[in-house]
């Protein structure tokens, strides 16, 4: 079966150009620029039903989200999310591949639990899937003995978060950083600082009118983030470890990073759309709905994160998608869990800044950024599609290239779409973005050449 996505504005590998993409079975068979003489006979040789008229629309590689919490470890009842529900929300939002975190029930810390989650995803997932294995104070030897291509990365919690997999044994940390053959991805918050701030805040505010989510960035503050990230990067530099800082949230941490090309780095960083979209002024309206770890910080931090994306200090964008039941988020601040469901709208959040309701620039010979009032589309595609594939060694995905898997997203810009509770596919059924109007729509999504809801496969990792 063949499909021709015809006359799209393609954003790929630093360029924006008008072209067409031929899909054959599950792969990209050819990429044509508008003036390519090979295009016309191909288009004329296909029935009209096999041609998608993409004029005026943007075509990008499928988004690869390398940081999700689908909450599904195989237990029979899970009120927060399942691979079935959350993968369909992901696909609706243009995400075609995900890497799920290990802090589920049971925790993904052994080969046995990894295989159980693989079987679950093979049955239920609407998008391509892979998994991180979690480090604990007790499993480092067993973890390092596993074949590294079986899984995406080692997830390390240097600050306690949902699931409590804190690793705080210095000898085990040295062992892991010294001997890991795999990328280590870390949640960096200094536990000592967080717990001291938490104890002080509870003494002063618990049960009072001051117990609100506005406390969150004061408890999980810049000091906690910087100290943990500093010590982790120092350890990674000492041992030459490939190390990735998850969900970076402060301007101060950026001073620890470099803006070398990705292939020259062994220390890299991720940011979430939520830390780019919200800041601490939003706690007044949204409260616990934007309570997440690490905390959303100040407007200055948010703007610094945007600048770091463009100048190369931050390498990937991933959601840290983390659903919780609404009733749990409505508890008093100290009792409410941390986490935000966001994967269904992560691409639209980023496109709103790049495209908004304005115009974007097409250059058929080289990449060219949109007007300076908007953010460059090629940078967003690089951080959401290209770099995740390169960093995690995800084979055959993340680019619009001949021979690659046909994971593709067609976006219609310049149309309004408002987030409503009825439009959400999350099992938890809520989003802090309810009422937000975006100026782009995810028009069509292909996963391995399939745009009808099937086609998902296990991801392959080669590093």
Protein backbone atom coordinates (compact mmCIF):
# COMPACT_ATOMS: atom_id res chain seq x y z
CA UNK A 1 0.00 0.00 0.00
CA UNK A 2 1.26 3.47 -0.91
CA UNK A 3 0.33 6.94 0.33
CA UNK A 4 1.63 10.24 -1.02
CA UNK A 5 1.54 13.23 1.34
CA UNK A 6 1.53 15.89 -1.36
CA UNK A 7 2.70 19.51 -1.33
CA UNK A 8 3.29 19.81 2.43
CA UNK A 9 5.52 22.37 4.07
CA UNK A 10 8.15 19.98 5.43
CA UNK A 11 10.17 20.89 8.52
CA UNK A 12 13.12 18.55 8.81
CA UNK A 13 16.84 18.70 9.62
CA UNK A 14 17.02 22.48 9.89
CA UNK A 15 15.07 23.22 6.71
CA UNK A 16 11.57 24.36 5.80
CA UNK A 17 10.59 23.50 2.24
CA UNK A 18 7.59 22.51 0.15
CA UNK A 19 7.67 18.85 -0.78
CA UNK A 20 5.96 15.48 -0.79
CA UNK A 21 6.59 12.22 1.07
CA UNK A 22 5.80 8.78 -0.35
CA UNK A 23 4.91 6.11 2.20
CA UNK A 24 5.12 2.47 1.19
CA UNK A 25 3.95 -0.04 3.80
CA UNK A 26 5.59 1.07 7.09
CA UNK A 27 8.45 3.14 5.66
CA UNK A 28 9.24 6.37 3.89
CA UNK A 29 9.90 5.32 0.31
CA UNK A 30 10.93 8.74 -1.02
CA UNK A 31 11.10 12.43 -0.12
CA UNK A 32 10.50 14.85 -3.00
CA UNK A 33 11.05 18.58 -3.16
CA UNK A 34 8.41 20.52 -5.08
CA UNK A 35 10.47 20.82 -8.26
CA UNK A 36 11.67 17.21 -8.28
CA UNK A 37 10.91 15.79 -11.78
CA UNK A 38 10.30 12.33 -10.25
CA UNK A 39 7.28 13.57 -8.31
CA UNK A 40 4.77 14.03 -11.12
CA UNK A 41 4.83 10.44 -12.47
CA UNK A 42 4.55 9.09 -8.93
CA UNK A 43 1.51 11.28 -8.22
CA UNK A 44 -0.10 10.41 -11.55
CA UNK A 45 0.41 6.71 -10.93
CA UNK A 46 -1.54 6.68 -7.65
CA UNK A 47 -5.31 6.60 -7.19
CA UNK A 48 -6.77 9.78 -5.69
CA UNK A 49 -7.56 7.95 -2.45
CA UNK A 50 -3.84 7.38 -1.91
CA UNK A 51 -2.95 11.07 -2.17
CA UNK A 52 -3.21 13.36 0.85
CA UNK A 53 -3.47 17.00 -0.22
CA UNK A 54 -1.26 18.72 2.36
CA UNK A 55 -1.03 22.14 0.76
CA UNK A 56 -0.83 24.80 3.46
CA UNK A 57 -0.05 22.24 6.16
CA UNK A 58 3.14 21.44 8.05
CA UNK A 59 4.65 17.94 7.96
CA UNK A 60 7.14 16.93 10.65
CA UNK A 61 8.57 13.63 11.93
CA UNK A 62 6.55 11.99 14.66
CA UNK A 63 7.37 13.40 18.08
CA UNK A 64 9.48 11.12 20.30
CA UNK A 65 8.65 11.75 23.96
CA UNK A 66 11.40 10.15 26.03
CA UNK A 67 9.90 10.95 29.44
CA UNK A 68 6.37 9.71 30.20
CA UNK A 69 4.64 8.19 33.19
CA UNK A 70 1.77 6.13 31.80
CA UNK A 71 1.34 4.69 35.31
CA UNK A 72 0.69 1.20 34.00
CA UNK A 73 2.85 -1.55 35.46
CA UNK A 74 0.39 -4.32 34.78
CA UNK A 75 -1.83 -4.09 37.84
CA UNK A 76 -5.49 -4.77 37.15
CA UNK A 77 -6.82 -1.44 38.40
CA UNK A 78 -4.99 1.87 37.91
CA UNK A 79 -6.99 5.06 38.46
CA UNK A 80 -4.41 7.44 37.00
CA UNK A 81 -3.59 6.10 33.56
CA UNK A 82 -3.00 3.03 31.42
CA UNK A 83 -0.94 2.32 28.34
CA UNK A 84 -4.20 2.07 26.42
CA UNK A 85 -5.56 5.49 27.41
CA UNK A 86 -2.36 7.54 27.57
CA UNK A 87 -0.90 6.21 24.31
CA UNK A 88 -4.07 7.25 22.49
CA UNK A 89 -3.81 10.73 24.00
CA UNK A 90 -0.19 10.81 22.85
CA UNK A 91 -1.07 9.82 19.31
CA UNK A 92 -3.85 12.42 19.12
CA UNK A 93 -1.21 15.00 19.99
CA UNK A 94 1.31 13.98 17.34
CA UNK A 95 3.51 11.84 19.59
CA UNK A 96 4.37 8.60 17.80
CA UNK A 97 6.95 7.10 20.19
CA UNK A 98 7.32 7.17 23.97
CA UNK A 99 9.76 6.01 26.61
CA UNK A 100 7.99 5.11 29.86
CA UNK A 101 9.47 5.62 33.33
CA UNK A 102 10.09 2.84 35.87
CA UNK A 103 8.23 4.17 38.93
CA UNK A 104 5.12 2.09 38.36
CA UNK A 105 3.54 -0.73 40.35
CA UNK A 106 5.51 -2.92 40.25
CA UNK A 107 8.61 -0.80 39.69
CA UNK A 108 10.53 -1.55 36.49
CA UNK A 109 13.85 -2.45 38.09
CA UNK A 110 14.43 -6.00 36.85
CA UNK A 111 14.40 -7.87 33.55
CA UNK A 112 11.23 -9.65 34.67
CA UNK A 113 9.28 -6.44 35.25
CA UNK A 114 10.66 -4.97 32.01
CA UNK A 115 9.38 -7.94 30.03
CA UNK A 116 5.97 -7.67 31.70
CA UNK A 117 5.66 -4.03 30.65
CA UNK A 118 6.82 -4.85 27.12
CA UNK A 119 4.03 -7.42 26.85
CA UNK A 120 1.49 -4.97 28.21
CA UNK A 121 2.52 -2.27 25.71
CA UNK A 122 2.56 -4.74 22.81
CA UNK A 123 -1.07 -5.48 23.60
CA UNK A 124 -2.36 -1.97 24.37
CA UNK A 125 -0.17 0.78 22.95
CA UNK A 126 -1.24 3.02 20.06
CA UNK A 127 2.31 4.43 19.73
CA UNK A 128 5.80 2.96 19.56
CA UNK A 129 7.15 2.19 23.00
CA UNK A 130 10.31 1.68 25.02
CA UNK A 131 11.21 1.71 28.69
CA UNK A 132 13.78 2.93 31.15
CA UNK A 133 15.00 0.67 33.92
CA UNK A 134 15.10 2.18 37.38
CA UNK A 135 18.16 2.28 39.60
CA UNK A 136 17.80 1.59 43.32
CA UNK A 137 20.26 1.40 46.18
CA UNK A 138 20.13 -2.40 45.84
CA UNK A 139 19.98 -3.31 42.14
CA UNK A 140 23.02 -1.66 40.52
CA UNK A 141 24.98 -4.89 39.93
CA UNK A 142 21.97 -6.63 38.37
CA UNK A 143 21.12 -3.56 36.30
CA UNK A 144 24.60 -3.25 34.84
CA UNK A 145 24.65 -6.94 33.92
CA UNK A 146 21.68 -6.59 31.54
CA UNK A 147 22.14 -6.23 27.78
CA UNK A 148 22.07 -2.44 27.30
CA UNK A 149 20.21 -2.48 23.98
CA UNK A 150 17.18 -4.04 25.73
CA UNK A 151 16.11 -0.73 27.24
CA UNK A 152 16.28 3.02 26.60
CA UNK A 153 18.26 4.31 29.59
CA UNK A 154 18.81 4.01 33.33
CA UNK A 155 16.49 6.27 35.32
CA UNK A 156 18.00 7.66 38.49
CA UNK A 157 16.02 9.54 41.12
CA UNK A 158 18.34 11.84 43.08
CA UNK A 159 15.31 13.45 44.69
CA UNK A 160 12.23 11.64 45.92
CA UNK A 161 9.19 11.95 43.68
CA UNK A 162 6.08 9.94 42.88
CA UNK A 163 7.02 6.30 43.38
CA UNK A 164 9.91 6.92 45.82
CA UNK A 165 12.92 5.35 44.10
CA UNK A 166 15.47 7.67 45.71
CA UNK A 167 19.09 6.51 45.28
CA UNK A 168 21.29 8.09 47.97
CA UNK A 169 24.10 5.59 48.63
CA UNK A 170 27.35 7.32 47.50
CA UNK A 171 29.15 4.02 46.87
CA UNK A 172 26.34 2.72 44.69
CA UNK A 173 26.19 6.02 42.80
CA UNK A 174 29.92 5.86 42.11
CA UNK A 175 29.54 2.26 40.96
CA UNK A 176 26.70 3.20 38.61
CA UNK A 177 28.42 6.24 37.08
CA UNK A 178 31.75 4.43 36.74
CA UNK A 179 30.47 1.24 35.15
CA UNK A 180 27.26 2.10 33.26
CA UNK A 181 27.32 1.28 29.55
CA UNK A 182 24.03 3.09 29.12
CA UNK A 183 22.78 6.66 29.25
CA UNK A 184 21.79 7.69 32.79
CA UNK A 185 18.76 10.00 33.04
CA UNK A 186 18.37 11.70 36.40
CA UNK A 187 15.74 13.56 38.35
CA UNK A 188 17.96 16.08 40.15
CA UNK A 189 16.73 17.64 43.39
CA UNK A 190 18.79 17.70 46.61
CA UNK A 191 16.75 15.64 49.06
CA UNK A 192 18.28 17.24 52.17
CA UNK A 193 17.24 20.74 51.03
CA UNK A 194 13.75 19.67 49.95
CA UNK A 195 13.02 17.87 53.21
CA UNK A 196 14.25 20.78 55.35
CA UNK A 197 12.15 23.25 53.36
CA UNK A 198 9.15 20.93 53.53
CA UNK A 199 9.39 20.55 57.30
CA UNK A 200 9.62 24.32 57.77
CA UNK A 201 6.67 24.96 55.45
CA UNK A 202 4.48 22.39 57.21
CA UNK A 203 5.23 23.91 60.61
CA UNK A 204 4.24 27.36 59.38
CA UNK A 205 1.43 26.76 56.88
CA UNK A 206 -0.19 23.31 57.19
CA UNK A 207 -3.91 23.68 57.83
CA UNK A 208 -3.87 27.45 57.28
CA UNK A 209 -4.87 29.68 54.38
CA UNK A 210 -1.19 29.79 53.44
CA UNK A 211 -1.16 26.09 52.49
CA UNK A 212 -1.28 26.56 48.71
CA UNK A 213 0.68 25.35 45.70
CA UNK A 214 2.56 28.68 45.72
CA UNK A 215 4.76 27.01 48.36
CA UNK A 216 5.96 24.41 45.87
CA UNK A 217 8.79 26.40 44.20
CA UNK A 218 9.90 27.56 47.66
CA UNK A 219 10.17 23.98 48.93
CA UNK A 220 11.64 22.49 45.76
CA UNK A 221 13.67 25.62 45.16
CA UNK A 222 16.57 26.69 42.97
CA UNK A 223 19.10 25.61 45.58
CA UNK A 224 17.74 22.06 45.66
CA UNK A 225 17.88 21.80 41.87
CA UNK A 226 21.29 23.38 41.43
CA UNK A 227 23.07 21.40 44.15
CA UNK A 228 21.76 18.06 42.93
CA UNK A 229 22.47 18.80 39.27
CA UNK A 230 25.93 20.14 40.13
CA UNK A 231 26.95 17.03 42.09
CA UNK A 232 25.51 14.66 39.48
CA UNK A 233 27.31 16.41 36.63
CA UNK A 234 30.54 16.49 38.62
CA UNK A 235 30.27 12.73 39.11
CA UNK A 236 29.48 12.21 35.42
CA UNK A 237 32.51 14.29 34.41
CA UNK A 238 34.74 12.38 36.80
CA UNK A 239 33.81 9.05 35.24
CA UNK A 240 33.04 10.17 31.66
CA UNK A 241 29.45 8.94 32.02
CA UNK A 242 26.77 9.68 29.43
CA UNK A 243 24.38 11.66 31.61
CA UNK A 244 21.08 13.43 30.87
CA UNK A 245 19.45 15.91 33.26
CA UNK A 246 15.68 15.43 33.17
CA UNK A 247 13.14 18.30 33.30
CA UNK A 248 15.57 21.12 34.02
CA UNK A 249 13.71 24.00 35.66
CA UNK A 250 16.07 26.82 36.68
CA UNK A 251 18.29 29.39 35.03
CA UNK A 252 21.09 28.61 37.50
CA UNK A 253 21.42 25.00 36.32
CA UNK A 254 22.07 26.19 32.77
CA UNK A 255 25.52 27.40 33.83
CA UNK A 256 26.47 23.73 34.28
CA UNK A 257 25.72 22.82 30.65
CA UNK A 258 27.52 23.26 27.33
CA UNK A 259 26.20 24.13 23.89
CA UNK A 260 28.45 21.83 21.89
CA UNK A 261 26.86 19.84 19.08
CA UNK A 262 24.92 16.87 20.44
CA UNK A 263 27.38 14.29 19.09
CA UNK A 264 30.19 15.98 21.04
CA UNK A 265 28.41 15.97 24.40
CA UNK A 266 28.28 13.36 27.11
CA UNK A 267 26.22 15.61 29.43
CA UNK A 268 22.85 16.70 28.06
CA UNK A 269 19.57 18.14 29.33
CA UNK A 270 15.80 18.04 28.83
CA UNK A 271 13.04 20.58 29.42
CA UNK A 272 9.29 20.03 29.58
CA UNK A 273 6.65 22.10 27.76
CA UNK A 274 5.12 22.82 31.17
CA UNK A 275 8.27 24.55 32.44
CA UNK A 276 8.31 26.56 29.21
CA UNK A 277 4.58 27.41 29.32
CA UNK A 278 3.80 28.16 32.97
CA UNK A 279 5.58 30.16 35.67
CA UNK A 280 4.99 30.77 39.37
CA UNK A 281 2.34 33.42 38.68
CA UNK A 282 0.07 30.61 37.45
CA UNK A 283 -0.17 28.92 40.87
CA UNK A 284 -2.72 31.56 41.90
CA UNK A 285 -5.22 30.30 39.30
CA UNK A 286 -4.22 26.68 38.74
CA UNK A 287 -2.90 25.65 42.14
CA UNK A 288 -2.13 21.94 42.50
CA UNK A 289 -3.02 21.33 38.83
CA UNK A 290 0.49 22.55 37.96
CA UNK A 291 2.20 21.02 40.99
CA UNK A 292 5.03 18.93 39.57
CA UNK A 293 8.57 17.90 40.49
CA UNK A 294 10.76 19.85 39.99
CA UNK A 295 8.53 22.84 40.59
CA UNK A 296 7.57 25.39 37.98
CA UNK A 297 9.65 28.45 38.79
CA UNK A 298 9.80 32.19 37.98
CA UNK A 299 9.19 34.06 34.71
CA UNK A 300 12.96 34.69 34.50
CA UNK A 301 13.62 30.95 34.77
CA UNK A 302 11.04 30.25 32.06
CA UNK A 303 12.57 32.77 29.66
CA UNK A 304 16.07 31.43 30.34
CA UNK A 305 14.89 27.92 29.46
CA UNK A 306 13.51 29.17 26.14
CA UNK A 307 16.82 30.86 25.34
CA UNK A 308 18.74 27.72 26.30
CA UNK A 309 16.71 25.67 23.82
CA UNK A 310 17.74 27.93 20.97
CA UNK A 311 21.42 28.24 21.89
CA UNK A 312 21.90 24.51 22.42
CA UNK A 313 22.30 24.26 26.20
CA UNK A 314 19.10 22.17 26.33
CA UNK A 315 18.94 19.23 23.94
CA UNK A 316 15.49 17.64 24.16
CA UNK A 317 11.87 18.47 24.95
CA UNK A 318 9.86 15.78 26.77
CA UNK A 319 6.64 16.05 28.72
CA UNK A 320 7.18 14.17 31.98
CA UNK A 321 3.50 13.35 31.36
CA UNK A 322 2.21 12.33 34.79
CA UNK A 323 -1.55 11.90 35.31
CA UNK A 324 -3.26 11.73 38.69
CA UNK A 325 -6.98 11.51 39.51
CA UNK A 326 -8.54 14.96 39.78
CA UNK A 327 -9.81 14.28 43.27
CA UNK A 328 -6.24 13.64 44.41
CA UNK A 329 -5.03 16.93 42.92
CA UNK A 330 -7.87 18.75 44.75
CA UNK A 331 -6.58 17.75 48.18
CA UNK A 332 -4.81 20.33 50.36
CA UNK A 333 -1.38 21.21 48.95
CA UNK A 334 0.75 19.00 51.21
CA UNK A 335 -1.42 15.95 50.45
CA UNK A 336 -1.79 16.46 46.69
CA UNK A 337 0.48 14.41 44.40
CA UNK A 338 2.89 15.98 41.93
CA UNK A 339 2.47 15.55 38.20
CA UNK A 340 0.77 17.07 35.16
CA UNK A 341 -0.95 15.28 32.25
CA UNK A 342 0.28 17.05 29.11
CA UNK A 343 1.17 14.71 26.25
CA UNK A 344 -2.00 15.31 24.20
CA UNK A 345 -1.12 18.98 23.74
CA UNK A 346 2.68 19.14 24.07
CA UNK A 347 3.26 19.67 20.35
CA UNK A 348 0.51 22.28 20.14
CA UNK A 349 2.03 24.10 23.12
CA UNK A 350 5.32 24.36 21.30
CA UNK A 351 3.75 25.20 17.95
CA UNK A 352 1.77 27.99 19.56
CA UNK A 353 5.02 29.78 20.25
CA UNK A 354 6.48 28.95 16.83
CA UNK A 355 3.42 29.44 14.67
CA UNK A 356 0.68 31.00 16.77
CA UNK A 357 -1.80 32.79 14.58
CA UNK A 358 0.95 34.38 12.49
CA UNK A 359 2.76 33.37 9.34
CA UNK A 360 5.70 31.01 8.95
CA UNK A 361 8.44 31.26 6.37
CA UNK A 362 9.07 28.77 3.58
CA UNK A 363 12.47 28.57 1.91
CA UNK A 364 12.91 25.75 -0.58
CA UNK A 365 16.72 25.90 -0.54
CA UNK A 366 17.67 26.25 3.10
CA UNK A 367 16.21 26.42 6.57
CA UNK A 368 14.93 29.83 7.59
CA UNK A 369 13.39 30.81 10.89
CA UNK A 370 9.91 32.28 11.11
CA UNK A 371 9.61 36.00 11.91
CA UNK A 372 11.43 37.07 15.06
CA UNK A 373 8.17 37.38 16.98
CA UNK A 374 7.88 33.59 16.79
CA UNK A 375 10.14 30.71 17.74
CA UNK A 376 11.95 28.77 15.00
CA UNK A 377 10.07 25.67 13.90
CA UNK A 378 13.25 23.74 12.98
CA UNK A 379 14.48 24.10 16.58
CA UNK A 380 11.27 22.60 17.95
CA UNK A 381 11.49 19.69 15.51
CA UNK A 382 15.13 19.18 16.43
CA UNK A 383 14.40 19.04 20.17
CA UNK A 384 11.20 16.96 19.95
CA UNK A 385 12.05 14.60 17.07
CA UNK A 386 15.67 14.53 15.89
CA UNK A 387 17.63 14.81 19.13
CA UNK A 388 15.61 12.25 21.14
CA UNK A 389 16.29 9.69 18.41
CA UNK A 390 20.01 10.50 18.32
CA UNK A 391 20.51 10.72 22.09
CA UNK A 392 18.73 7.47 22.91
CA UNK A 393 19.90 5.59 19.82
CA UNK A 394 16.36 5.04 18.52
CA UNK A 395 16.94 3.44 15.16
CA UNK A 396 15.16 4.52 11.99
CA UNK A 397 12.98 7.22 13.52
CA UNK A 398 12.96 10.92 14.31
CA UNK A 399 13.68 12.18 10.77
CA UNK A 400 11.91 12.41 7.43
CA UNK A 401 14.39 10.29 5.48
CA UNK A 402 14.10 7.64 2.81
CA UNK A 403 14.10 4.20 4.42
CA UNK A 404 13.07 5.45 7.86
CA UNK A 405 9.87 4.34 9.57
CA UNK A 406 6.89 6.41 8.43
CA UNK A 407 6.21 8.14 11.76
CA UNK A 408 4.79 11.45 10.57
CA UNK A 409 2.58 14.28 11.79
CA UNK A 410 0.57 16.63 9.61
CA UNK A 411 -0.34 19.93 11.29
CA UNK A 412 -2.85 22.50 10.05
CA UNK A 413 -1.75 25.96 11.23
CA UNK A 414 -3.97 29.01 11.50
CA UNK A 415 -7.03 27.25 12.87
CA UNK A 416 -8.38 27.62 16.37
CA UNK A 417 -8.79 24.60 18.65
CA UNK A 418 -9.82 24.98 22.27
CA UNK A 419 -9.01 22.39 24.92
CA UNK A 420 -12.17 21.11 26.60
CA UNK A 421 -12.62 18.39 29.17
CA UNK A 422 -14.66 16.42 26.62
CA UNK A 423 -11.75 16.46 24.15
CA UNK A 424 -9.27 14.90 26.58
CA UNK A 425 -8.27 11.26 26.14
CA UNK A 426 -6.40 10.91 29.44
CA UNK A 427 -7.87 8.42 31.86
CA UNK A 428 -7.65 11.07 34.60
CA UNK A 429 -9.92 13.29 32.49
CA UNK A 430 -8.45 16.74 33.24
CA UNK A 431 -5.75 19.17 32.09
CA UNK A 432 -4.49 22.54 33.35
CA UNK A 433 -4.86 23.68 29.72
CA UNK A 434 -8.66 23.44 29.72
CA UNK A 435 -9.99 26.59 28.06
CA UNK A 436 -6.72 27.27 26.22
CA UNK A 437 -7.17 28.03 22.52
CA UNK A 438 -4.39 26.89 20.21
CA UNK A 439 -3.89 28.16 16.67
CA UNK A 440 -2.92 24.84 15.13
CA UNK A 441 -4.54 21.44 14.85
CA UNK A 442 -3.00 17.98 14.65
CA UNK A 443 -4.60 16.95 11.38
CA UNK A 444 -3.27 13.43 10.78
CA UNK A 445 -0.75 11.07 12.40
CA UNK A 446 1.03 8.07 10.90
CA UNK A 447 2.69 5.43 13.09
CA UNK A 448 4.77 3.09 10.95
CA UNK A 449 2.73 4.16 7.94
CA UNK A 450 -0.61 3.53 9.66
CA UNK A 451 -2.98 6.47 10.20
CA UNK A 452 -6.00 4.51 11.44
CA UNK A 453 -4.85 3.87 15.01
CA UNK A 454 -2.65 0.78 14.68
CA UNK A 455 0.92 0.09 13.69
CA UNK A 456 2.74 0.52 17.02
CA UNK A 457 6.01 -1.35 17.55
CA UNK A 458 8.67 -1.77 20.21
CA UNK A 459 11.48 0.74 19.82
CA UNK A 460 15.01 -0.47 19.07
CA UNK A 461 17.97 1.13 20.81
CA UNK A 462 21.50 0.91 19.46
CA UNK A 463 23.45 2.80 22.13
